Amino acid sequence: MGELKKLVEEGKVKYIGLSEASASTIRRAHAVHPITAVQNEWSLWTRDLEDEIVPTCRELGIGIVAYSPMGWGFLAAGPSLVENLIPNDFRKVYINYDEHIIL
């Protein structure tokens, strides 16, 4: 974080953001230099950041950028997505052998 702060001071970077950081990491980083945004997976499936990350960001005035808000496409396409996944699609980790979605 200290090196990123130097880049801001040198005018090479305007804002600093974090990705997939815990609440304690966000606090430690923000103490060194203000964090502008935190990017985390956030959807109807992945809501664990609401326990600590969201309150921490709210308290510190940090924006949250949600990635995969449609649950990697599962919440948008439904069962048709499962039927059309190619063999090496990373989303297959969410599906067990009986073709049921698991988390």
N, C-alpha and C. Protein backbone atom coordinates (compact mmCIF):
# COMPACT_ATOMS: atom_id res chain seq x y z
N MET A 1 0.82 -1.18 0.00
CA MET A 1 0.00 0.00 0.00
C MET A 1 0.87 1.25 0.00
N GLY A 2 1.98 1.16 0.69
CA GLY A 2 2.89 2.29 0.72
C GLY A 2 3.42 2.65 -0.66
N GLU A 3 3.70 1.65 -1.48
CA GLU A 3 4.19 1.90 -2.84
C GLU A 3 3.10 2.51 -3.71
N LEU A 4 1.86 2.06 -3.53
CA LEU A 4 0.75 2.66 -4.27
C LEU A 4 0.55 4.11 -3.85
N LYS A 5 0.72 4.38 -2.58
CA LYS A 5 0.60 5.76 -2.09
C LYS A 5 1.64 6.64 -2.76
N LYS A 6 2.87 6.12 -2.91
CA LYS A 6 3.92 6.88 -3.60
C LYS A 6 3.52 7.20 -5.04
N LEU A 7 2.92 6.24 -5.71
CA LEU A 7 2.48 6.47 -7.09
C LEU A 7 1.42 7.56 -7.17
N VAL A 8 0.54 7.61 -6.19
CA VAL A 8 -0.46 8.69 -6.14
C VAL A 8 0.24 10.02 -5.94
N GLU A 9 1.16 10.05 -5.00
CA GLU A 9 1.89 11.29 -4.71
C GLU A 9 2.70 11.78 -5.91
N GLU A 10 3.18 10.85 -6.73
CA GLU A 10 3.94 11.20 -7.94
C GLU A 10 3.03 11.56 -9.11
N GLY A 11 1.73 11.43 -8.92
CA GLY A 11 0.78 11.76 -9.98
C GLY A 11 0.62 10.67 -11.03
N LYS A 12 1.17 9.50 -10.78
CA LYS A 12 1.09 8.40 -11.75
C LYS A 12 -0.20 7.60 -11.61
N VAL A 13 -0.81 7.67 -10.45
CA VAL A 13 -2.06 6.97 -10.17
C VAL A 13 -2.98 7.97 -9.50
N LYS A 14 -4.26 7.94 -9.87
CA LYS A 14 -5.19 8.90 -9.28
C LYS A 14 -5.95 8.29 -8.10
N TYR A 15 -6.38 7.05 -8.23
CA TYR A 15 -7.17 6.40 -7.19
C TYR A 15 -6.63 5.01 -6.91
N ILE A 16 -6.91 4.49 -5.72
CA ILE A 16 -6.50 3.14 -5.36
C ILE A 16 -7.74 2.33 -4.99
N GLY A 17 -7.81 1.13 -5.54
CA GLY A 17 -8.89 0.22 -5.21
C GLY A 17 -8.33 -1.14 -4.83
N LEU A 18 -9.15 -1.92 -4.18
CA LEU A 18 -8.77 -3.27 -3.77
C LEU A 18 -9.76 -4.26 -4.35
N SER A 19 -9.34 -5.49 -4.52
CA SER A 19 -10.22 -6.54 -5.00
C SER A 19 -10.16 -7.72 -4.06
N GLU A 20 -11.33 -8.22 -3.70
CA GLU A 20 -11.44 -9.40 -2.84
C GLU A 20 -10.68 -9.23 -1.52
N ALA A 21 -10.77 -8.08 -0.93
CA ALA A 21 -10.07 -7.81 0.33
C ALA A 21 -11.01 -8.03 1.51
N SER A 22 -10.45 -8.46 2.62
CA SER A 22 -11.23 -8.63 3.85
C SER A 22 -11.43 -7.26 4.50
N ALA A 23 -12.33 -7.20 5.46
CA ALA A 23 -12.58 -5.94 6.18
C ALA A 23 -11.32 -5.45 6.88
N SER A 24 -10.56 -6.35 7.47
CA SER A 24 -9.34 -5.92 8.17
C SER A 24 -8.29 -5.41 7.18
N THR A 25 -8.19 -6.03 6.02
CA THR A 25 -7.24 -5.55 5.00
C THR A 25 -7.65 -4.18 4.50
N ILE A 26 -8.96 -3.99 4.30
CA ILE A 26 -9.46 -2.68 3.85
C ILE A 26 -9.10 -1.61 4.87
N ARG A 27 -9.31 -1.90 6.15
CA ARG A 27 -8.99 -0.92 7.20
C ARG A 27 -7.49 -0.61 7.24
N ARG A 28 -6.67 -1.65 7.15
CA ARG A 28 -5.21 -1.43 7.19
C ARG A 28 -4.75 -0.60 5.99
N ALA A 29 -5.26 -0.93 4.82
CA ALA A 29 -4.86 -0.20 3.60
C ALA A 29 -5.36 1.24 3.65
N HIS A 30 -6.58 1.42 4.09
CA HIS A 30 -7.18 2.76 4.15
C HIS A 30 -6.44 3.66 5.16
N ALA A 31 -5.85 3.06 6.16
CA ALA A 31 -5.07 3.83 7.14
C ALA A 31 -3.79 4.39 6.51
N VAL A 32 -3.29 3.72 5.48
CA VAL A 32 -2.08 4.18 4.79
C VAL A 32 -2.43 5.25 3.75
N HIS A 33 -3.48 4.98 2.98
CA HIS A 33 -3.95 5.92 1.96
C HIS A 33 -5.42 5.62 1.68
N PRO A 34 -6.23 6.66 1.45
CA PRO A 34 -7.65 6.41 1.21
C PRO A 34 -7.91 5.46 0.04
N ILE A 35 -8.77 4.52 0.27
CA ILE A 35 -9.19 3.58 -0.76
C ILE A 35 -10.45 4.15 -1.41
N THR A 36 -10.51 4.12 -2.72
CA THR A 36 -11.66 4.65 -3.44
C THR A 36 -12.76 3.62 -3.61
N ALA A 37 -12.36 2.38 -3.96
CA ALA A 37 -13.36 1.35 -4.23
C ALA A 37 -12.81 -0.03 -3.88
N VAL A 38 -13.73 -0.91 -3.57
CA VAL A 38 -13.41 -2.32 -3.32
C VAL A 38 -14.28 -3.15 -4.25
N GLN A 39 -13.66 -4.09 -4.93
CA GLN A 39 -14.38 -4.96 -5.86
C GLN A 39 -14.50 -6.36 -5.25
N ASN A 40 -15.72 -6.84 -5.15
CA ASN A 40 -15.97 -8.18 -4.62
C ASN A 40 -17.11 -8.83 -5.40
N GLU A 41 -17.13 -10.14 -5.39
CA GLU A 41 -18.28 -10.84 -5.95
C GLU A 41 -19.47 -10.57 -5.03
N TRP A 42 -20.60 -10.19 -5.64
CA TRP A 42 -21.78 -9.87 -4.84
C TRP A 42 -23.01 -10.16 -5.69
N SER A 43 -23.80 -11.10 -5.24
CA SER A 43 -25.03 -11.45 -5.95
C SER A 43 -25.98 -12.08 -4.94
N LEU A 44 -27.10 -12.57 -5.43
CA LEU A 44 -28.02 -13.26 -4.54
C LEU A 44 -27.39 -14.52 -3.95
N TRP A 45 -26.39 -15.07 -4.65
CA TRP A 45 -25.69 -16.25 -4.15
C TRP A 45 -24.58 -15.88 -3.17
N THR A 46 -23.89 -14.82 -3.46
CA THR A 46 -22.69 -14.46 -2.71
C THR A 46 -22.98 -13.18 -1.93
N ARG A 47 -23.43 -13.32 -0.72
CA ARG A 47 -23.83 -12.17 0.08
C ARG A 47 -23.02 -12.03 1.36
N ASP A 48 -21.99 -12.84 1.53
CA ASP A 48 -21.22 -12.81 2.77
C ASP A 48 -20.53 -11.48 3.03
N LEU A 49 -20.28 -10.69 1.98
CA LEU A 49 -19.63 -9.40 2.21
C LEU A 49 -20.55 -8.43 2.95
N GLU A 50 -21.83 -8.73 3.03
CA GLU A 50 -22.77 -7.85 3.73
C GLU A 50 -22.54 -7.85 5.24
N ASP A 51 -21.87 -8.88 5.74
CA ASP A 51 -21.62 -8.97 7.18
C ASP A 51 -20.56 -7.99 7.65
N GLU A 52 -19.43 -7.90 6.94
CA GLU A 52 -18.33 -7.05 7.39
C GLU A 52 -17.85 -6.05 6.35
N ILE A 53 -17.78 -6.47 5.09
CA ILE A 53 -17.22 -5.61 4.04
C ILE A 53 -18.11 -4.38 3.82
N VAL A 54 -19.40 -4.59 3.64
CA VAL A 54 -20.30 -3.46 3.36
C VAL A 54 -20.30 -2.45 4.52
N PRO A 55 -20.45 -2.89 5.77
CA PRO A 55 -20.40 -1.90 6.86
C PRO A 55 -19.06 -1.17 6.94
N THR A 56 -17.97 -1.87 6.69
CA THR A 56 -16.64 -1.24 6.73
C THR A 56 -16.53 -0.18 5.64
N CYS A 57 -16.94 -0.54 4.43
CA CYS A 57 -16.87 0.42 3.32
C CYS A 57 -17.79 1.61 3.56
N ARG A 58 -18.96 1.35 4.10
CA ARG A 58 -19.90 2.44 4.40
C ARG A 58 -19.27 3.39 5.42
N GLU A 59 -18.69 2.82 6.45
CA GLU A 59 -18.07 3.63 7.52
C GLU A 59 -16.93 4.49 6.98
N LEU A 60 -16.12 3.92 6.07
CA LEU A 60 -14.94 4.61 5.57
C LEU A 60 -15.21 5.42 4.30
N GLY A 61 -16.43 5.36 3.78
CA GLY A 61 -16.76 6.11 2.57
C GLY A 61 -16.16 5.53 1.31
N ILE A 62 -16.05 4.20 1.26
CA ILE A 62 -15.45 3.50 0.13
C ILE A 62 -16.56 2.90 -0.73
N GLY A 63 -16.47 3.08 -2.04
CA GLY A 63 -17.44 2.49 -2.95
C GLY A 63 -17.21 1.00 -3.13
N ILE A 64 -18.27 0.30 -3.46
CA ILE A 64 -18.18 -1.13 -3.73
C ILE A 64 -18.56 -1.38 -5.18
N VAL A 65 -17.71 -2.12 -5.89
CA VAL A 65 -17.98 -2.51 -7.26
C VAL A 65 -18.26 -4.02 -7.23
N ALA A 66 -19.49 -4.38 -7.55
CA ALA A 66 -19.87 -5.79 -7.53
C ALA A 66 -19.47 -6.44 -8.84
N TYR A 67 -18.83 -7.60 -8.74
CA TYR A 67 -18.64 -8.37 -9.97
C TYR A 67 -19.48 -9.63 -9.88
N SER A 68 -19.89 -10.09 -11.01
CA SER A 68 -20.75 -11.26 -11.16
C SER A 68 -22.08 -11.11 -10.41
N PRO A 69 -22.75 -9.97 -10.58
CA PRO A 69 -24.02 -9.78 -9.87
C PRO A 69 -25.12 -10.74 -10.32
N MET A 70 -24.93 -11.37 -11.46
CA MET A 70 -25.92 -12.35 -11.95
C MET A 70 -25.45 -13.78 -11.69
N GLY A 71 -24.60 -13.95 -10.69
CA GLY A 71 -24.17 -15.29 -10.29
C GLY A 71 -23.53 -16.08 -11.41
N TRP A 72 -22.53 -15.46 -12.08
CA TRP A 72 -21.80 -16.08 -13.18
C TRP A 72 -22.73 -16.50 -14.32
N GLY A 73 -23.87 -15.83 -14.43
CA GLY A 73 -24.82 -16.12 -15.51
C GLY A 73 -25.93 -17.07 -15.12
N PHE A 74 -25.75 -17.77 -14.01
CA PHE A 74 -26.77 -18.73 -13.58
C PHE A 74 -28.10 -18.04 -13.28
N LEU A 75 -28.05 -16.87 -12.67
CA LEU A 75 -29.29 -16.18 -12.30
C LEU A 75 -29.95 -15.50 -13.50
N ALA A 76 -29.22 -15.33 -14.58
CA ALA A 76 -29.77 -14.70 -15.78
C ALA A 76 -30.34 -15.74 -16.75
N ALA A 77 -29.62 -16.82 -16.95
CA ALA A 77 -30.01 -17.80 -17.96
C ALA A 77 -30.77 -18.99 -17.39
N GLY A 78 -30.61 -19.25 -16.11
CA GLY A 78 -31.29 -20.38 -15.49
C GLY A 78 -30.80 -21.72 -16.01
N PRO A 79 -31.67 -22.72 -16.05
CA PRO A 79 -31.27 -24.07 -16.43
C PRO A 79 -30.64 -24.16 -17.82
N SER A 80 -31.02 -23.27 -18.73
CA SER A 80 -30.45 -23.35 -20.07
C SER A 80 -28.94 -23.11 -20.06
N LEU A 81 -28.45 -22.35 -19.10
CA LEU A 81 -27.01 -22.12 -19.01
C LEU A 81 -26.30 -23.43 -18.74
N VAL A 82 -26.80 -24.20 -17.80
CA VAL A 82 -26.18 -25.48 -17.44
C VAL A 82 -26.14 -26.41 -18.64
N GLU A 83 -27.19 -26.44 -19.39
CA GLU A 83 -27.27 -27.32 -20.55
C GLU A 83 -26.28 -26.94 -21.64
N ASN A 84 -25.89 -25.67 -21.71
CA ASN A 84 -25.05 -25.19 -22.80
C ASN A 84 -23.61 -24.90 -22.41
N LEU A 85 -23.18 -25.29 -21.22
CA LEU A 85 -21.78 -25.06 -20.83
C LEU A 85 -20.86 -25.95 -21.65
N ILE A 86 -19.77 -25.37 -22.14
CA ILE A 86 -18.79 -26.17 -22.85
C ILE A 86 -17.99 -26.98 -21.82
N PRO A 87 -17.35 -28.05 -22.23
CA PRO A 87 -16.68 -28.95 -21.27
C PRO A 87 -15.68 -28.28 -20.33
N ASN A 88 -14.92 -27.29 -20.79
CA ASN A 88 -13.90 -26.69 -19.91
C ASN A 88 -14.35 -25.37 -19.29
N ASP A 89 -15.65 -25.09 -19.25
CA ASP A 89 -16.16 -23.86 -18.64
C ASP A 89 -15.92 -23.89 -17.14
N PHE A 90 -15.30 -22.83 -16.61
CA PHE A 90 -14.95 -22.80 -15.18
C PHE A 90 -16.18 -22.87 -14.28
N ARG A 91 -17.35 -22.49 -14.80
CA ARG A 91 -18.56 -22.49 -13.98
C ARG A 91 -19.03 -23.90 -13.63
N LYS A 92 -18.44 -24.90 -14.24
CA LYS A 92 -18.83 -26.28 -13.91
C LYS A 92 -18.47 -26.64 -12.47
N VAL A 93 -17.62 -25.86 -11.84
CA VAL A 93 -17.32 -26.12 -10.43
C VAL A 93 -18.54 -25.90 -9.55
N TYR A 94 -19.52 -25.16 -10.07
CA TYR A 94 -20.75 -24.89 -9.33
C TYR A 94 -21.79 -25.99 -9.52
N ILE A 95 -21.50 -26.99 -10.32
CA ILE A 95 -22.49 -28.01 -10.65
C ILE A 95 -21.96 -29.37 -10.22
N ASN A 96 -22.79 -30.14 -9.58
CA ASN A 96 -22.34 -31.48 -9.21
C ASN A 96 -22.71 -32.46 -10.31
N TYR A 97 -22.44 -33.74 -10.11
CA TYR A 97 -22.64 -34.73 -11.14
C TYR A 97 -24.10 -34.95 -11.52
N ASP A 98 -25.01 -34.60 -10.66
CA ASP A 98 -26.44 -34.77 -10.95
C ASP A 98 -27.03 -33.55 -11.64
N GLU A 99 -26.16 -32.61 -12.08
CA GLU A 99 -26.61 -31.40 -12.76
C GLU A 99 -27.40 -30.46 -11.85
N HIS A 100 -27.14 -30.50 -10.54
CA HIS A 100 -27.76 -29.56 -9.62
C HIS A 100 -26.74 -28.48 -9.30
N ILE A 101 -27.21 -27.28 -9.17
CA ILE A 101 -26.32 -26.18 -8.82
C ILE A 101 -25.96 -26.28 -7.35
N ILE A 102 -24.68 -26.21 -7.03
CA ILE A 102 -24.21 -26.26 -5.65
C ILE A 102 -23.39 -25.03 -5.37
N LEU A 103 -23.33 -24.64 -4.15
CA LEU A 103 -22.53 -23.47 -3.78
C LEU A 103 -21.52 -23.83 -2.72
